[in-house]
Amino acid sequence: GYPLLANGQSSALSPIRILALPLPLGYALTAEAA
């Protein structure tokens, strides 16, 4: 087990990550980059 939210690089609270939630992972990564 390992902290996820406390690992900042998970960007768990980033609005960019949250806005891309409706997309599948592969496409979400592209949407985040855009």
PDB file of all heavy atoms in Angstrom:
ATOM      1  N   GLY A   1       0.827  -1.199   0.000  1.00  0.00           N
ATOM      2  CA  GLY A   1       0.000   0.000   0.000  1.00  0.00           C
ATOM      3  C   GLY A   1       0.860   1.247   0.000  1.00  0.00           C
ATOM      4  O   GLY A   1       1.983   1.245   0.518  1.00  0.00           O
ATOM      5  N   TYR A   2       0.335   2.325  -0.587  1.00  0.00           N
ATOM      6  CA  TYR A   2       1.139   3.545  -0.754  1.00  0.00           C
ATOM      7  C   TYR A   2       0.185   4.726  -0.870  1.00  0.00           C
ATOM      8  O   TYR A   2      -0.874   4.606  -1.505  1.00  0.00           O
ATOM      9  CB  TYR A   2       1.990   3.403  -2.012  1.00  0.00           C
ATOM     10  CG  TYR A   2       2.988   4.505  -2.241  1.00  0.00           C
ATOM     11  CD1 TYR A   2       4.208   4.502  -1.581  1.00  0.00           C
ATOM     12  CD2 TYR A   2       2.717   5.542  -3.128  1.00  0.00           C
ATOM     13  CE1 TYR A   2       5.135   5.509  -1.794  1.00  0.00           C
ATOM     14  CE2 TYR A   2       3.635   6.550  -3.343  1.00  0.00           C
ATOM     15  CZ  TYR A   2       4.842   6.530  -2.674  1.00  0.00           C
ATOM     16  OH  TYR A   2       5.764   7.536  -2.883  1.00  0.00           O
ATOM     17  N   PRO A   3       0.517   5.877  -0.276  1.00  0.00           N
ATOM     18  CA  PRO A   3      -0.370   7.039  -0.411  1.00  0.00           C
ATOM     19  C   PRO A   3      -0.551   7.435  -1.875  1.00  0.00           C
ATOM     20  O   PRO A   3       0.418   7.441  -2.642  1.00  0.00           O
ATOM     21  CB  PRO A   3       0.365   8.139   0.373  1.00  0.00           C
ATOM     22  CG  PRO A   3       1.229   7.399   1.337  1.00  0.00           C
ATOM     23  CD  PRO A   3       1.661   6.156   0.622  1.00  0.00           C
ATOM     24  N   LEU A   4      -1.766   7.747  -2.247  1.00  0.00           N
ATOM     25  CA  LEU A   4      -2.052   8.184  -3.614  1.00  0.00           C
ATOM     26  C   LEU A   4      -2.327   9.683  -3.659  1.00  0.00           C
ATOM     27  O   LEU A   4      -1.664  10.415  -4.386  1.00  0.00           O
ATOM     28  CB  LEU A   4      -3.248   7.408  -4.170  1.00  0.00           C
ATOM     29  CG  LEU A   4      -3.623   7.710  -5.616  1.00  0.00           C
ATOM     30  CD1 LEU A   4      -2.477   7.369  -6.559  1.00  0.00           C
ATOM     31  CD2 LEU A   4      -4.882   6.927  -6.028  1.00  0.00           C
ATOM     32  N   LEU A   5      -3.276  10.149  -2.859  1.00  0.00           N
ATOM     33  CA  LEU A   5      -3.564  11.589  -2.852  1.00  0.00           C
ATOM     34  C   LEU A   5      -2.365  12.377  -2.350  1.00  0.00           C
ATOM     35  O   LEU A   5      -2.057  13.458  -2.856  1.00  0.00           O
ATOM     36  CB  LEU A   5      -4.782  11.874  -1.965  1.00  0.00           C
ATOM     37  CG  LEU A   5      -5.264  13.322  -1.917  1.00  0.00           C
ATOM     38  CD1 LEU A   5      -5.693  13.788  -3.296  1.00  0.00           C
ATOM     39  CD2 LEU A   5      -6.408  13.471  -0.928  1.00  0.00           C
ATOM     40  N   ALA A   6      -1.645  11.819  -1.351  1.00  0.00           N
ATOM     41  CA  ALA A   6      -0.472  12.508  -0.804  1.00  0.00           C
ATOM     42  C   ALA A   6       0.710  12.458  -1.765  1.00  0.00           C
ATOM     43  O   ALA A   6       1.689  13.182  -1.570  1.00  0.00           O
ATOM     44  CB  ALA A   6      -0.077  11.893   0.531  1.00  0.00           C
ATOM     45  N   ASN A   7       0.625  11.606  -2.767  1.00  0.00           N
ATOM     46  CA  ASN A   7       1.610  11.617  -3.846  1.00  0.00           C
ATOM     47  C   ASN A   7       1.152  12.670  -4.845  1.00  0.00           C
ATOM     48  O   ASN A   7       0.283  12.421  -5.686  1.00  0.00           O
ATOM     49  CB  ASN A   7       1.687  10.236  -4.503  1.00  0.00           C
ATOM     50  CG  ASN A   7       2.476  10.246  -5.798  1.00  0.00           C
ATOM     51  OD1 ASN A   7       3.208  11.194  -6.087  1.00  0.00           O
ATOM     52  ND2 ASN A   7       2.335   9.208  -6.584  1.00  0.00           N
ATOM     53  N   GLY A   8       1.728  13.849  -4.748  1.00  0.00           N
ATOM     54  CA  GLY A   8       1.254  14.965  -5.562  1.00  0.00           C
ATOM     55  C   GLY A   8       1.192  14.660  -7.037  1.00  0.00           C
ATOM     56  O   GLY A   8       0.323  15.163  -7.756  1.00  0.00           O
ATOM     57  N   GLN A   9       2.105  13.814  -7.523  1.00  0.00           N
ATOM     58  CA  GLN A   9       2.166  13.574  -8.957  1.00  0.00           C
ATOM     59  C   GLN A   9       1.003  12.728  -9.476  1.00  0.00           C
ATOM     60  O   GLN A   9       0.876  12.533 -10.679  1.00  0.00           O
ATOM     61  CB  GLN A   9       3.500  12.933  -9.335  1.00  0.00           C
ATOM     62  CG  GLN A   9       4.684  13.879  -9.123  1.00  0.00           C
ATOM     63  CD  GLN A   9       5.943  13.381  -9.774  1.00  0.00           C
ATOM     64  OE1 GLN A   9       6.175  13.579 -10.955  1.00  0.00           O
ATOM     65  NE2 GLN A   9       6.781  12.717  -8.994  1.00  0.00           N
ATOM     66  N   SER A  10       0.150  12.269  -8.574  1.00  0.00           N
ATOM     67  CA  SER A  10      -1.087  11.643  -9.040  1.00  0.00           C
ATOM     68  C   SER A  10      -2.057  12.696  -9.579  1.00  0.00           C
ATOM     69  O   SER A  10      -3.013  12.350 -10.284  1.00  0.00           O
ATOM     70  CB  SER A  10      -1.755  10.876  -7.901  1.00  0.00           C
ATOM     71  OG  SER A  10      -2.254  11.769  -6.914  1.00  0.00           O
ATOM     72  N   SER A  11      -1.819  13.970  -9.233  1.00  0.00           N
ATOM     73  CA  SER A  11      -2.671  15.089  -9.684  1.00  0.00           C
ATOM     74  C   SER A  11      -4.146  14.797  -9.439  1.00  0.00           C
ATOM     75  O   SER A  11      -5.005  15.167 -10.246  1.00  0.00           O
ATOM     76  CB  SER A  11      -2.431  15.394 -11.169  1.00  0.00           C
ATOM     77  OG  SER A  11      -1.095  15.744 -11.415  1.00  0.00           O
ATOM     78  N   ALA A  12      -4.437  14.144  -8.334  1.00  0.00           N
ATOM     79  CA  ALA A  12      -5.798  13.678  -8.077  1.00  0.00           C
ATOM     80  C   ALA A  12      -6.807  14.814  -7.935  1.00  0.00           C
ATOM     81  O   ALA A  12      -7.990  14.634  -8.218  1.00  0.00           O
ATOM     82  CB  ALA A  12      -5.814  12.808  -6.819  1.00  0.00           C
ATOM     83  N   LEU A  13      -6.356  15.982  -7.484  1.00  0.00           N
ATOM     84  CA  LEU A  13      -7.260  17.112  -7.293  1.00  0.00           C
ATOM     85  C   LEU A  13      -7.195  18.119  -8.430  1.00  0.00           C
ATOM     86  O   LEU A  13      -7.870  19.144  -8.385  1.00  0.00           O
ATOM     87  CB  LEU A  13      -6.940  17.819  -5.970  1.00  0.00           C
ATOM     88  CG  LEU A  13      -7.154  16.995  -4.705  1.00  0.00           C
ATOM     89  CD1 LEU A  13      -6.755  17.805  -3.475  1.00  0.00           C
ATOM     90  CD2 LEU A  13      -8.595  16.529  -4.583  1.00  0.00           C
ATOM     91  N   SER A  14      -6.377  17.844  -9.428  1.00  0.00           N
ATOM     92  CA  SER A  14      -6.257  18.780 -10.546  1.00  0.00           C
ATOM     93  C   SER A  14      -7.566  18.839 -11.322  1.00  0.00           C
ATOM     94  O   SER A  14      -8.110  17.802 -11.712  1.00  0.00           O
ATOM     95  CB  SER A  14      -5.124  18.346 -11.478  1.00  0.00           C
ATOM     96  OG  SER A  14      -5.152  19.122 -12.666  1.00  0.00           O
ATOM     97  N   PRO A  15      -8.085  20.041 -11.589  1.00  0.00           N
ATOM     98  CA  PRO A  15      -9.321  20.131 -12.376  1.00  0.00           C
ATOM     99  C   PRO A  15      -9.141  19.574 -13.783  1.00  0.00           C
ATOM    100  O   PRO A  15     -10.094  19.099 -14.394  1.00  0.00           O
ATOM    101  CB  PRO A  15      -9.613  21.641 -12.402  1.00  0.00           C
ATOM    102  CG  PRO A  15      -8.307  22.297 -12.122  1.00  0.00           C
ATOM    103  CD  PRO A  15      -7.581  21.374 -11.205  1.00  0.00           C
ATOM    104  N   ILE A  16      -7.913  19.614 -14.299  1.00  0.00           N
ATOM    105  CA  ILE A  16      -7.643  19.045 -15.623  1.00  0.00           C
ATOM    106  C   ILE A  16      -7.911  17.543 -15.606  1.00  0.00           C
ATOM    107  O   ILE A  16      -8.535  17.002 -16.529  1.00  0.00           O
ATOM    108  CB  ILE A  16      -6.189  19.341 -16.038  1.00  0.00           C
ATOM    109  CG1 ILE A  16      -5.995  20.851 -16.224  1.00  0.00           C
ATOM    110  CG2 ILE A  16      -5.809  18.595 -17.308  1.00  0.00           C
ATOM    111  CD1 ILE A  16      -4.560  21.262 -16.471  1.00  0.00           C
ATOM    112  N   ARG A  17      -7.451  16.875 -14.549  1.00  0.00           N
ATOM    113  CA  ARG A  17      -7.687  15.428 -14.437  1.00  0.00           C
ATOM    114  C   ARG A  17      -9.162  15.128 -14.225  1.00  0.00           C
ATOM    115  O   ARG A  17      -9.715  14.188 -14.807  1.00  0.00           O
ATOM    116  CB  ARG A  17      -6.848  14.862 -13.299  1.00  0.00           C
ATOM    117  CG  ARG A  17      -7.051  13.386 -13.015  1.00  0.00           C
ATOM    118  CD  ARG A  17      -5.740  12.696 -12.824  1.00  0.00           C
ATOM    119  NE  ARG A  17      -4.907  12.767 -14.013  1.00  0.00           N
ATOM    120  CZ  ARG A  17      -3.583  12.614 -14.013  1.00  0.00           C
ATOM    121  NH1 ARG A  17      -2.951  12.391 -12.878  1.00  0.00           N
ATOM    122  NH2 ARG A  17      -2.901  12.683 -15.140  1.00  0.00           N
ATOM    123  N   ILE A  18      -9.820  15.905 -13.398  1.00  0.00           N
ATOM    124  CA  ILE A  18     -11.230  15.660 -13.086  1.00  0.00           C
ATOM    125  C   ILE A  18     -12.117  15.907 -14.304  1.00  0.00           C
ATOM    126  O   ILE A  18     -13.052  15.148 -14.576  1.00  0.00           O
ATOM    127  CB  ILE A  18     -11.658  16.533 -11.893  1.00  0.00           C
ATOM    128  CG1 ILE A  18     -10.927  16.061 -10.619  1.00  0.00           C
ATOM    129  CG2 ILE A  18     -13.168  16.476 -11.688  1.00  0.00           C
ATOM    130  CD1 ILE A  18     -11.097  16.957  -9.428  1.00  0.00           C
ATOM    131  N   LEU A  19     -11.800  16.943 -15.086  1.00  0.00           N
ATOM    132  CA  LEU A  19     -12.598  17.235 -16.275  1.00  0.00           C
ATOM    133  C   LEU A  19     -12.483  16.134 -17.329  1.00  0.00           C
ATOM    134  O   LEU A  19     -13.386  15.968 -18.156  1.00  0.00           O
ATOM    135  CB  LEU A  19     -12.168  18.574 -16.878  1.00  0.00           C
ATOM    136  CG  LEU A  19     -12.603  19.825 -16.118  1.00  0.00           C
ATOM    137  CD1 LEU A  19     -11.937  21.066 -16.700  1.00  0.00           C
ATOM    138  CD2 LEU A  19     -14.124  19.968 -16.148  1.00  0.00           C
ATOM    139  N   ALA A  20     -11.382  15.402 -17.316  1.00  0.00           N
ATOM    140  CA  ALA A  20     -11.182  14.344 -18.308  1.00  0.00           C
ATOM    141  C   ALA A  20     -11.756  13.001 -17.865  1.00  0.00           C
ATOM    142  O   ALA A  20     -11.630  12.009 -18.586  1.00  0.00           O
ATOM    143  CB  ALA A  20      -9.694  14.199 -18.609  1.00  0.00           C
ATOM    144  N   LEU A  21     -12.402  12.933 -16.697  1.00  0.00           N
ATOM    145  CA  LEU A  21     -12.921  11.661 -16.181  1.00  0.00           C
ATOM    146  C   LEU A  21     -13.911  10.962 -17.120  1.00  0.00           C
ATOM    147  O   LEU A  21     -13.918   9.726 -17.181  1.00  0.00           O
ATOM    148  CB  LEU A  21     -13.588  11.885 -14.819  1.00  0.00           C
ATOM    149  CG  LEU A  21     -12.659  12.121 -13.627  1.00  0.00           C
ATOM    150  CD1 LEU A  21     -13.473  12.373 -12.362  1.00  0.00           C
ATOM    151  CD2 LEU A  21     -11.720  10.940 -13.421  1.00  0.00           C
ATOM    152  N   PRO A  22     -14.757  11.678 -17.852  1.00  0.00           N
ATOM    153  CA  PRO A  22     -15.711  10.957 -18.717  1.00  0.00           C
ATOM    154  C   PRO A  22     -15.045  10.167 -19.844  1.00  0.00           C
ATOM    155  O   PRO A  22     -15.696   9.294 -20.427  1.00  0.00           O
ATOM    156  CB  PRO A  22     -16.586  12.087 -19.287  1.00  0.00           C
ATOM    157  CG  PRO A  22     -16.474  13.198 -18.284  1.00  0.00           C
ATOM    158  CD  PRO A  22     -15.060  13.118 -17.803  1.00  0.00           C
ATOM    159  N   LEU A  23     -13.802  10.448 -20.160  1.00  0.00           N
ATOM    160  CA  LEU A  23     -13.123   9.786 -21.269  1.00  0.00           C
ATOM    161  C   LEU A  23     -12.364   8.551 -20.796  1.00  0.00           C
ATOM    162  O   LEU A  23     -11.904   8.500 -19.656  1.00  0.00           O
ATOM    163  CB  LEU A  23     -12.139  10.752 -21.932  1.00  0.00           C
ATOM    164  CG  LEU A  23     -12.726  12.034 -22.536  1.00  0.00           C
ATOM    165  CD1 LEU A  23     -11.602  12.951 -23.003  1.00  0.00           C
ATOM    166  CD2 LEU A  23     -13.672  11.707 -23.685  1.00  0.00           C
ATOM    167  N   PRO A  24     -12.193   7.556 -21.650  1.00  0.00           N
ATOM    168  CA  PRO A  24     -11.316   6.416 -21.318  1.00  0.00           C
ATOM    169  C   PRO A  24      -9.894   6.909 -21.070  1.00  0.00           C
ATOM    170  O   PRO A  24      -9.490   7.974 -21.566  1.00  0.00           O
ATOM    171  CB  PRO A  24     -11.388   5.540 -22.574  1.00  0.00           C
ATOM    172  CG  PRO A  24     -12.636   5.952 -23.272  1.00  0.00           C
ATOM    173  CD  PRO A  24     -12.828   7.408 -22.961  1.00  0.00           C
ATOM    174  N   LEU A  25      -9.117   6.133 -20.342  1.00  0.00           N
ATOM    175  CA  LEU A  25      -7.791   6.565 -19.902  1.00  0.00           C
ATOM    176  C   LEU A  25      -6.916   7.067 -21.042  1.00  0.00           C
ATOM    177  O   LEU A  25      -6.341   8.159 -20.958  1.00  0.00           O
ATOM    178  CB  LEU A  25      -7.084   5.417 -19.172  1.00  0.00           C
ATOM    179  CG  LEU A  25      -5.638   5.703 -18.720  1.00  0.00           C
ATOM    180  CD1 LEU A  25      -5.607   6.830 -17.700  1.00  0.00           C
ATOM    181  CD2 LEU A  25      -5.012   4.433 -18.151  1.00  0.00           C
ATOM    182  N   GLY A  26      -6.780   6.287 -22.106  1.00  0.00           N
ATOM    183  CA  GLY A  26      -5.901   6.689 -23.199  1.00  0.00           C
ATOM    184  C   GLY A  26      -6.299   8.010 -23.813  1.00  0.00           C
ATOM    185  O   GLY A  26      -5.447   8.876 -24.071  1.00  0.00           O
ATOM    186  N   TYR A  27      -7.594   8.195 -24.042  1.00  0.00           N
ATOM    187  CA  TYR A  27      -8.070   9.449 -24.614  1.00  0.00           C
ATOM    188  C   TYR A  27      -8.023  10.586 -23.598  1.00  0.00           C
ATOM    189  O   TYR A  27      -7.825  11.751 -23.949  1.00  0.00           O
ATOM    190  CB  TYR A  27      -9.489   9.280 -25.141  1.00  0.00           C
ATOM    191  CG  TYR A  27      -9.626   8.241 -26.229  1.00  0.00           C
ATOM    192  CD1 TYR A  27     -10.824   7.559 -26.429  1.00  0.00           C
ATOM    193  CD2 TYR A  27      -8.546   7.921 -27.057  1.00  0.00           C
ATOM    194  CE1 TYR A  27     -10.952   6.598 -27.426  1.00  0.00           C
ATOM    195  CE2 TYR A  27      -8.663   6.969 -28.054  1.00  0.00           C
ATOM    196  CZ  TYR A  27      -9.867   6.300 -28.236  1.00  0.00           C
ATOM    197  OH  TYR A  27      -9.988   5.363 -29.216  1.00  0.00           O
ATOM    198  N   ALA A  28      -8.212  10.248 -22.326  1.00  0.00           N
ATOM    199  CA  ALA A  28      -8.163  11.269 -21.279  1.00  0.00           C
ATOM    200  C   ALA A  28      -6.779  11.905 -21.196  1.00  0.00           C
ATOM    201  O   ALA A  28      -6.653  13.112 -20.962  1.00  0.00           O
ATOM    202  CB  ALA A  28      -8.541  10.660 -19.933  1.00  0.00           C
ATOM    203  N   LEU A  29      -5.730  11.107 -21.389  1.00  0.00           N
ATOM    204  CA  LEU A  29      -4.374  11.654 -21.352  1.00  0.00           C
ATOM    205  C   LEU A  29      -4.174  12.675 -22.449  1.00  0.00           C
ATOM    206  O   LEU A  29      -3.511  13.713 -22.258  1.00  0.00           O
ATOM    207  CB  LEU A  29      -3.357  10.515 -21.476  1.00  0.00           C
ATOM    208  CG  LEU A  29      -3.351   9.509 -20.329  1.00  0.00           C
ATOM    209  CD1 LEU A  29      -2.438   8.338 -20.667  1.00  0.00           C
ATOM    210  CD2 LEU A  29      -2.930  10.169 -19.025  1.00  0.00           C
ATOM    211  N   THR A  30      -4.733  12.410 -23.626  1.00  0.00           N
ATOM    212  CA  THR A  30      -4.659  13.377 -24.725  1.00  0.00           C
ATOM    213  C   THR A  30      -5.472  14.619 -24.398  1.00  0.00           C
ATOM    214  O   THR A  30      -5.029  15.750 -24.652  1.00  0.00           O
ATOM    215  CB  THR A  30      -5.173  12.740 -26.024  1.00  0.00           C
ATOM    216  OG1 THR A  30      -4.330  11.644 -26.374  1.00  0.00           O
ATOM    217  CG2 THR A  30      -5.164  13.750 -27.156  1.00  0.00           C
ATOM    218  N   ALA A  31      -6.669  14.434 -23.843  1.00  0.00           N
ATOM    219  CA  ALA A  31      -7.502  15.582 -23.483  1.00  0.00           C
ATOM    220  C   ALA A  31      -6.806  16.451 -22.445  1.00  0.00           C
ATOM    221  O   ALA A  31      -6.843  17.689 -22.519  1.00  0.00           O
ATOM    222  CB  ALA A  31      -8.853  15.101 -22.951  1.00  0.00           C
ATOM    223  N   GLU A  32      -6.163  15.819 -21.463  1.00  0.00           N
ATOM    224  CA  GLU A  32      -5.430  16.579 -20.453  1.00  0.00           C
ATOM    225  C   GLU A  32      -4.304  17.384 -21.098  1.00  0.00           C
ATOM    226  O   GLU A  32      -4.092  18.559 -20.757  1.00  0.00           O
ATOM    227  CB  GLU A  32      -4.858  15.633 -19.395  1.00  0.00           C
ATOM    228  CG  GLU A  32      -5.904  15.026 -18.475  1.00  0.00           C
ATOM    229  CD  GLU A  32      -5.281  14.137 -17.410  1.00  0.00           C
ATOM    230  OE1 GLU A  32      -4.054  14.249 -17.178  1.00  0.00           O
ATOM    231  OE2 GLU A  32      -6.014  13.337 -16.795  1.00  0.00           O
ATOM    232  N   ALA A  33      -3.573  16.774 -22.009  1.00  0.00           N
ATOM    233  CA  ALA A  33      -2.493  17.485 -22.691  1.00  0.00           C
ATOM    234  C   ALA A  33      -3.041  18.681 -23.464  1.00  0.00           C
ATOM    235  O   ALA A  33      -2.464  19.781 -23.425  1.00  0.00           O
ATOM    236  CB  ALA A  33      -1.759  16.531 -23.640  1.00  0.00           C
ATOM    237  N   ALA A  34      -4.170  18.490 -24.154  1.00  0.00           N
ATOM    238  CA  ALA A  34      -4.785  19.580 -24.910  1.00  0.00           C
ATOM    239  C   ALA A  34      -5.227  20.709 -23.985  1.00  0.00           C
ATOM    240  O   ALA A  34      -5.034  21.896 -24.289  1.00  0.00           O
ATOM    241  CB  ALA A  34      -5.973  19.047 -25.710  1.00  0.00           C
TER     242      ALA A  34
END
